[in-house]
PDB file of all heavy atoms in Angstrom:
ATOM      1  N   SER A   1       1.419 -13.974   8.831  1.00  0.00           N
ATOM      2  CA  SER A   1       2.629 -13.850   8.024  1.00  0.00           C
ATOM      3  C   SER A   1       2.289 -13.502   6.573  1.00  0.00           C
ATOM      4  O   SER A   1       3.044 -12.779   5.911  1.00  0.00           O
ATOM      5  CB  SER A   1       3.444 -15.141   8.087  1.00  0.00           C
ATOM      6  OG  SER A   1       2.672 -16.242   7.652  1.00  0.00           O
ATOM      7  N   GLU A   2       1.149 -13.967   6.100  1.00  0.00           N
ATOM      8  CA  GLU A   2       0.759 -13.680   4.713  1.00  0.00           C
ATOM      9  C   GLU A   2       0.314 -12.238   4.494  1.00  0.00           C
ATOM     10  O   GLU A   2       0.064 -11.830   3.360  1.00  0.00           O
ATOM     11  CB  GLU A   2      -0.337 -14.639   4.231  1.00  0.00           C
ATOM     12  CG  GLU A   2      -1.523 -14.754   5.164  1.00  0.00           C
ATOM     13  CD  GLU A   2      -1.420 -15.968   6.078  1.00  0.00           C
ATOM     14  OE1 GLU A   2      -0.332 -16.207   6.654  1.00  0.00           O
ATOM     15  OE2 GLU A   2      -2.450 -16.665   6.234  1.00  0.00           O
ATOM     16  N   ASP A   3       0.223 -11.452   5.562  1.00  0.00           N
ATOM     17  CA  ASP A   3      -0.064 -10.026   5.431  1.00  0.00           C
ATOM     18  C   ASP A   3       1.197  -9.227   5.145  1.00  0.00           C
ATOM     19  O   ASP A   3       1.115  -8.019   4.882  1.00  0.00           O
ATOM     20  CB  ASP A   3      -0.709  -9.496   6.714  1.00  0.00           C
ATOM     21  CG  ASP A   3      -2.072 -10.107   6.978  1.00  0.00           C
ATOM     22  OD1 ASP A   3      -2.851 -10.276   6.021  1.00  0.00           O
ATOM     23  OD2 ASP A   3      -2.359 -10.426   8.154  1.00  0.00           O
ATOM     24  N   THR A   4       2.348  -9.876   5.184  1.00  0.00           N
ATOM     25  CA  THR A   4       3.607  -9.188   4.901  1.00  0.00           C
ATOM     26  C   THR A   4       3.611  -8.649   3.479  1.00  0.00           C
ATOM     27  O   THR A   4       3.384  -9.386   2.520  1.00  0.00           O
ATOM     28  CB  THR A   4       4.793 -10.155   5.099  1.00  0.00           C
ATOM     29  OG1 THR A   4       4.879 -10.501   6.484  1.00  0.00           O
ATOM     30  CG2 THR A   4       6.102  -9.506   4.663  1.00  0.00           C
ATOM     31  N   ALA A   5       3.837  -7.343   3.359  1.00  0.00           N
ATOM     32  CA  ALA A   5       3.801  -6.681   2.052  1.00  0.00           C
ATOM     33  C   ALA A   5       4.139  -5.211   2.232  1.00  0.00           C
ATOM     34  O   ALA A   5       4.211  -4.720   3.359  1.00  0.00           O
ATOM     35  CB  ALA A   5       2.418  -6.814   1.424  1.00  0.00           C
ATOM     36  N   VAL A   6       4.312  -4.534   1.110  1.00  0.00           N
ATOM     37  CA  VAL A   6       4.347  -3.073   1.119  1.00  0.00           C
ATOM     38  C   VAL A   6       2.908  -2.605   0.915  1.00  0.00           C
ATOM     39  O   VAL A   6       2.230  -3.055  -0.016  1.00  0.00           O
ATOM     40  CB  VAL A   6       5.250  -2.514   0.009  1.00  0.00           C
ATOM     41  CG1 VAL A   6       5.202  -0.999   0.017  1.00  0.00           C
ATOM     42  CG2 VAL A   6       6.684  -3.005   0.198  1.00  0.00           C
ATOM     43  N   TYR A   7       2.458  -1.739   1.797  1.00  0.00           N
ATOM     44  CA  TYR A   7       1.095  -1.237   1.760  1.00  0.00           C
ATOM     45  C   TYR A   7       1.089   0.168   1.170  1.00  0.00           C
ATOM     46  O   TYR A   7       1.866   1.032   1.595  1.00  0.00           O
ATOM     47  CB  TYR A   7       0.493  -1.244   3.155  1.00  0.00           C
ATOM     48  CG  TYR A   7       0.094  -2.627   3.607  1.00  0.00           C
ATOM     49  CD1 TYR A   7       1.059  -3.581   3.925  1.00  0.00           C
ATOM     50  CD2 TYR A   7      -1.249  -2.997   3.700  1.00  0.00           C
ATOM     51  CE1 TYR A   7       0.706  -4.862   4.317  1.00  0.00           C
ATOM     52  CE2 TYR A   7      -1.614  -4.276   4.096  1.00  0.00           C
ATOM     53  CZ  TYR A   7      -0.634  -5.196   4.398  1.00  0.00           C
ATOM     54  OH  TYR A   7      -0.996  -6.469   4.791  1.00  0.00           O
ATOM     55  N   TYR A   8       0.178   0.393   0.203  1.00  0.00           N
ATOM     56  CA  TYR A   8       0.087   1.655  -0.504  1.00  0.00           C
ATOM     57  C   TYR A   8      -1.272   2.298  -0.285  1.00  0.00           C
ATOM     58  O   TYR A   8      -2.324   1.643  -0.373  1.00  0.00           O
ATOM     59  CB  TYR A   8       0.278   1.454  -2.002  1.00  0.00           C
ATOM     60  CG  TYR A   8       1.642   0.952  -2.402  1.00  0.00           C
ATOM     61  CD1 TYR A   8       1.903  -0.410  -2.508  1.00  0.00           C
ATOM     62  CD2 TYR A   8       2.673   1.842  -2.687  1.00  0.00           C
ATOM     63  CE1 TYR A   8       3.150  -0.880  -2.868  1.00  0.00           C
ATOM     64  CE2 TYR A   8       3.930   1.385  -3.054  1.00  0.00           C
ATOM     65  CZ  TYR A   8       4.153   0.025  -3.142  1.00  0.00           C
ATOM     66  OH  TYR A   8       5.399  -0.429  -3.509  1.00  0.00           O
ATOM     67  N   CYS A   9      -1.243   3.572  -0.031  1.00  0.00           N
ATOM     68  CA  CYS A   9      -2.452   4.387   0.033  1.00  0.00           C
ATOM     69  C   CYS A   9      -2.839   4.765  -1.390  1.00  0.00           C
ATOM     70  O   CYS A   9      -1.963   5.093  -2.212  1.00  0.00           O
ATOM     71  CB  CYS A   9      -2.150   5.626   0.874  1.00  0.00           C
ATOM     72  SG  CYS A   9      -3.507   6.791   1.045  1.00  0.00           S
ATOM     73  N   TRP A  10      -4.129   4.742  -1.694  1.00  0.00           N
ATOM     74  CA  TRP A  10      -4.622   5.027  -3.041  1.00  0.00           C
ATOM     75  C   TRP A  10      -5.766   6.028  -2.973  1.00  0.00           C
ATOM     76  O   TRP A  10      -6.617   5.980  -2.079  1.00  0.00           O
ATOM     77  CB  TRP A  10      -5.124   3.736  -3.685  1.00  0.00           C
ATOM     78  CG  TRP A  10      -5.909   3.944  -4.947  1.00  0.00           C
ATOM     79  CD1 TRP A  10      -5.425   4.092  -6.212  1.00  0.00           C
ATOM     80  CD2 TRP A  10      -7.338   4.017  -5.065  1.00  0.00           C
ATOM     81  NE1 TRP A  10      -6.457   4.253  -7.100  1.00  0.00           N
ATOM     82  CE2 TRP A  10      -7.641   4.221  -6.424  1.00  0.00           C
ATOM     83  CE3 TRP A  10      -8.376   3.941  -4.145  1.00  0.00           C
ATOM     84  CZ2 TRP A  10      -8.947   4.337  -6.882  1.00  0.00           C
ATOM     85  CZ3 TRP A  10      -9.681   4.053  -4.608  1.00  0.00           C
ATOM     86  CH2 TRP A  10      -9.952   4.250  -5.961  1.00  0.00           C
ATOM     87  N   TYR A  11      -5.768   6.935  -3.950  1.00  0.00           N
ATOM     88  CA  TYR A  11      -6.859   7.883  -4.085  1.00  0.00           C
ATOM     89  C   TYR A  11      -7.322   7.858  -5.530  1.00  0.00           C
ATOM     90  O   TYR A  11      -6.510   7.989  -6.454  1.00  0.00           O
ATOM     91  CB  TYR A  11      -6.390   9.288  -3.701  1.00  0.00           C
ATOM     92  CG  TYR A  11      -7.237  10.414  -4.247  1.00  0.00           C
ATOM     93  CD1 TYR A  11      -8.603  10.476  -3.977  1.00  0.00           C
ATOM     94  CD2 TYR A  11      -6.676  11.426  -5.017  1.00  0.00           C
ATOM     95  CE1 TYR A  11      -9.379  11.502  -4.478  1.00  0.00           C
ATOM     96  CE2 TYR A  11      -7.441  12.458  -5.520  1.00  0.00           C
ATOM     97  CZ  TYR A  11      -8.792  12.491  -5.250  1.00  0.00           C
ATOM     98  OH  TYR A  11      -9.562  13.516  -5.742  1.00  0.00           O
ATOM     99  N   GLY A  12      -8.645   7.696  -5.708  1.00  0.00           N
ATOM    100  CA  GLY A  12      -9.205   7.661  -7.047  1.00  0.00           C
ATOM    101  C   GLY A  12      -9.654   9.034  -7.487  1.00  0.00           C
ATOM    102  O   GLY A  12     -10.782   9.428  -7.167  1.00  0.00           O
ATOM    103  N   GLY A  13      -8.800   9.756  -8.173  1.00  0.00           N
ATOM    104  CA  GLY A  13      -9.143  11.083  -8.642  1.00  0.00           C
ATOM    105  C   GLY A  13     -10.085  11.036  -9.835  1.00  0.00           C
ATOM    106  O   GLY A  13     -10.415   9.967 -10.343  1.00  0.00           O
ATOM    107  N   SER A  14     -10.504  12.201 -10.277  1.00  0.00           N
ATOM    108  CA  SER A  14     -11.481  12.273 -11.370  1.00  0.00           C
ATOM    109  C   SER A  14     -10.903  11.780 -12.691  1.00  0.00           C
ATOM    110  O   SER A  14     -11.637  11.264 -13.542  1.00  0.00           O
ATOM    111  CB  SER A  14     -11.990  13.704 -11.523  1.00  0.00           C
ATOM    112  OG  SER A  14     -10.902  14.576 -11.782  1.00  0.00           O
ATOM    113  N   SER A  15      -9.585  11.919 -12.885  1.00  0.00           N
ATOM    114  CA  SER A  15      -9.003  11.533 -14.163  1.00  0.00           C
ATOM    115  C   SER A  15      -7.858  10.527 -14.049  1.00  0.00           C
ATOM    116  O   SER A  15      -7.401   9.993 -15.052  1.00  0.00           O
ATOM    117  CB  SER A  15      -8.480  12.773 -14.897  1.00  0.00           C
ATOM    118  OG  SER A  15      -7.495  13.421 -14.108  1.00  0.00           O
ATOM    119  N   ARG A  16      -7.432  10.255 -12.835  1.00  0.00           N
ATOM    120  CA  ARG A  16      -6.319   9.323 -12.661  1.00  0.00           C
ATOM    121  C   ARG A  16      -6.255   8.873 -11.218  1.00  0.00           C
ATOM    122  O   ARG A  16      -6.901   9.444 -10.343  1.00  0.00           O
ATOM    123  CB  ARG A  16      -4.990   9.982 -13.042  1.00  0.00           C
ATOM    124  CG  ARG A  16      -4.705  11.288 -12.316  1.00  0.00           C
ATOM    125  CD  ARG A  16      -3.253  11.676 -12.329  1.00  0.00           C
ATOM    126  NE  ARG A  16      -2.473  10.839 -11.448  1.00  0.00           N
ATOM    127  CZ  ARG A  16      -1.199  11.069 -11.150  1.00  0.00           C
ATOM    128  NH1 ARG A  16      -0.578  12.100 -11.713  1.00  0.00           N
ATOM    129  NH2 ARG A  16      -0.540  10.266 -10.342  1.00  0.00           N
ATOM    130  N   SER A  17      -5.467   7.829 -10.982  1.00  0.00           N
ATOM    131  CA  SER A  17      -5.219   7.345  -9.629  1.00  0.00           C
ATOM    132  C   SER A  17      -3.942   7.957  -9.080  1.00  0.00           C
ATOM    133  O   SER A  17      -3.019   8.277  -9.835  1.00  0.00           O
ATOM    134  CB  SER A  17      -5.078   5.815  -9.625  1.00  0.00           C
ATOM    135  OG  SER A  17      -6.304   5.187  -9.865  1.00  0.00           O
ATOM    136  N   TYR A  18      -3.913   8.088  -7.767  1.00  0.00           N
ATOM    137  CA  TYR A  18      -2.731   8.589  -7.075  1.00  0.00           C
ATOM    138  C   TYR A  18      -2.295   7.569  -6.038  1.00  0.00           C
ATOM    139  O   TYR A  18      -3.143   6.895  -5.424  1.00  0.00           O
ATOM    140  CB  TYR A  18      -3.029   9.925  -6.380  1.00  0.00           C
ATOM    141  CG  TYR A  18      -3.363  11.043  -7.334  1.00  0.00           C
ATOM    142  CD1 TYR A  18      -4.674  11.218  -7.786  1.00  0.00           C
ATOM    143  CD2 TYR A  18      -2.388  11.923  -7.793  1.00  0.00           C
ATOM    144  CE1 TYR A  18      -4.993  12.240  -8.666  1.00  0.00           C
ATOM    145  CE2 TYR A  18      -2.704  12.945  -8.662  1.00  0.00           C
ATOM    146  CZ  TYR A  18      -4.002  13.098  -9.096  1.00  0.00           C
ATOM    147  OH  TYR A  18      -4.318  14.098  -9.968  1.00  0.00           O
ATOM    148  N   TRP A  19      -0.988   7.461  -5.840  1.00  0.00           N
ATOM    149  CA  TRP A  19      -0.433   6.485  -4.913  1.00  0.00           C
ATOM    150  C   TRP A  19       0.552   7.147  -3.961  1.00  0.00           C
ATOM    151  O   TRP A  19       1.272   8.075  -4.337  1.00  0.00           O
ATOM    152  CB  TRP A  19       0.308   5.394  -5.684  1.00  0.00           C
ATOM    153  CG  TRP A  19      -0.558   4.627  -6.626  1.00  0.00           C
ATOM    154  CD1 TRP A  19      -0.788   4.908  -7.940  1.00  0.00           C
ATOM    155  CD2 TRP A  19      -1.311   3.451  -6.329  1.00  0.00           C
ATOM    156  NE1 TRP A  19      -1.650   3.990  -8.488  1.00  0.00           N
ATOM    157  CE2 TRP A  19      -1.978   3.073  -7.508  1.00  0.00           C
ATOM    158  CE3 TRP A  19      -1.476   2.669  -5.181  1.00  0.00           C
ATOM    159  CZ2 TRP A  19      -2.810   1.957  -7.577  1.00  0.00           C
ATOM    160  CZ3 TRP A  19      -2.296   1.556  -5.248  1.00  0.00           C
ATOM    161  CH2 TRP A  19      -2.955   1.210  -6.447  1.00  0.00           C
ATOM    162  N   GLY A  20       0.596   6.618  -2.743  1.00  0.00           N
ATOM    163  CA  GLY A  20       1.654   7.009  -1.833  1.00  0.00           C
ATOM    164  C   GLY A  20       2.913   6.224  -2.133  1.00  0.00           C
ATOM    165  O   GLY A  20       2.949   5.401  -3.056  1.00  0.00           O
ATOM    166  N   GLN A  21       3.947   6.461  -1.320  1.00  0.00           N
ATOM    167  CA  GLN A  21       5.232   5.819  -1.580  1.00  0.00           C
ATOM    168  C   GLN A  21       5.296   4.410  -1.019  1.00  0.00           C
ATOM    169  O   GLN A  21       6.195   3.640  -1.369  1.00  0.00           O
ATOM    170  CB  GLN A  21       6.370   6.665  -0.980  1.00  0.00           C
ATOM    171  CG  GLN A  21       6.607   6.494   0.518  1.00  0.00           C
ATOM    172  CD  GLN A  21       5.555   7.190   1.380  1.00  0.00           C
ATOM    173  OE1 GLN A  21       4.665   7.875   0.879  1.00  0.00           O
ATOM    174  NE2 GLN A  21       5.663   7.017   2.691  1.00  0.00           N
ATOM    175  N   GLY A  22       4.359   4.056  -0.173  1.00  0.00           N
ATOM    176  CA  GLY A  22       4.307   2.718   0.404  1.00  0.00           C
ATOM    177  C   GLY A  22       4.972   2.641   1.757  1.00  0.00           C
ATOM    178  O   GLY A  22       5.901   3.390   2.057  1.00  0.00           O
ATOM    179  N   THR A  23       4.483   1.725   2.574  1.00  0.00           N
ATOM    180  CA  THR A  23       5.074   1.465   3.886  1.00  0.00           C
ATOM    181  C   THR A  23       5.144  -0.046   4.089  1.00  0.00           C
ATOM    182  O   THR A  23       4.194  -0.765   3.792  1.00  0.00           O
ATOM    183  CB  THR A  23       4.277   2.162   5.004  1.00  0.00           C
ATOM    184  OG1 THR A  23       4.952   1.991   6.258  1.00  0.00           O
ATOM    185  CG2 THR A  23       2.859   1.622   5.141  1.00  0.00           C
ATOM    186  N   GLN A  24       6.294  -0.519   4.562  1.00  0.00           N
ATOM    187  CA  GLN A  24       6.524  -1.951   4.696  1.00  0.00           C
ATOM    188  C   GLN A  24       5.889  -2.490   5.972  1.00  0.00           C
ATOM    189  O   GLN A  24       6.092  -1.934   7.057  1.00  0.00           O
ATOM    190  CB  GLN A  24       8.027  -2.250   4.722  1.00  0.00           C
ATOM    191  CG  GLN A  24       8.382  -3.706   4.946  1.00  0.00           C
ATOM    192  CD  GLN A  24       8.044  -4.592   3.758  1.00  0.00           C
ATOM    193  OE1 GLN A  24       8.352  -4.250   2.620  1.00  0.00           O
ATOM    194  NE2 GLN A  24       7.414  -5.732   4.024  1.00  0.00           N
ATOM    195  N   VAL A  25       5.157  -3.567   5.833  1.00  0.00           N
ATOM    196  CA  VAL A  25       4.620  -4.305   6.964  1.00  0.00           C
ATOM    197  C   VAL A  25       5.202  -5.715   6.913  1.00  0.00           C
ATOM    198  O   VAL A  25       5.053  -6.412   5.909  1.00  0.00           O
ATOM    199  CB  VAL A  25       3.085  -4.367   6.934  1.00  0.00           C
ATOM    200  CG1 VAL A  25       2.561  -5.311   8.016  1.00  0.00           C
ATOM    201  CG2 VAL A  25       2.492  -2.983   7.115  1.00  0.00           C
ATOM    202  N   THR A  26       5.865  -6.110   7.981  1.00  0.00           N
ATOM    203  CA  THR A  26       6.451  -7.440   8.057  1.00  0.00           C
ATOM    204  C   THR A  26       5.907  -8.140   9.289  1.00  0.00           C
ATOM    205  O   THR A  26       6.027  -7.621  10.403  1.00  0.00           O
ATOM    206  CB  THR A  26       7.985  -7.372   8.133  1.00  0.00           C
ATOM    207  OG1 THR A  26       8.484  -6.667   6.987  1.00  0.00           O
ATOM    208  CG2 THR A  26       8.581  -8.773   8.157  1.00  0.00           C
ATOM    209  N   VAL A  27       5.306  -9.310   9.080  1.00  0.00           N
ATOM    210  CA  VAL A  27       4.739 -10.084  10.165  1.00  0.00           C
ATOM    211  C   VAL A  27       5.572 -11.345  10.337  1.00  0.00           C
ATOM    212  O   VAL A  27       5.677 -12.158   9.416  1.00  0.00           O
ATOM    213  CB  VAL A  27       3.273 -10.445   9.896  1.00  0.00           C
ATOM    214  CG1 VAL A  27       2.678 -11.180  11.090  1.00  0.00           C
ATOM    215  CG2 VAL A  27       2.459  -9.201   9.575  1.00  0.00           C
ATOM    216  N   SER A  28       6.151 -11.488  11.504  1.00  0.00           N
ATOM    217  CA  SER A  28       6.991 -12.654  11.775  1.00  0.00           C
ATOM    218  C   SER A  28       6.158 -13.749  12.433  1.00  0.00           C
ATOM    219  O   SER A  28       5.328 -13.478  13.300  1.00  0.00           O
ATOM    220  CB  SER A  28       8.157 -12.268  12.674  1.00  0.00           C
ATOM    221  OG  SER A  28       7.688 -11.819  13.933  1.00  0.00           O
ATOM    222  N   SER A  29       6.404 -14.965  12.020  1.00  0.00           N
ATOM    223  CA  SER A  29       5.614 -16.088  12.559  1.00  0.00           C
ATOM    224  C   SER A  29       6.339 -16.766  13.708  1.00  0.00           C
ATOM    225  O   SER A  29       7.483 -16.474  14.012  1.00  0.00           O
ATOM    226  CB  SER A  29       5.339 -17.100  11.454  1.00  0.00           C
ATOM    227  OG  SER A  29       6.540 -17.525  10.867  1.00  0.00           O
TER     228      SER A  29
END
């Protein structure tokens, strides 16, 4: 259940970071 969150993809570019829009993960106990 503690893994419940919005998960974001990240890319470390040469001059800045890039992010995806996120995807929701919900774990029911």
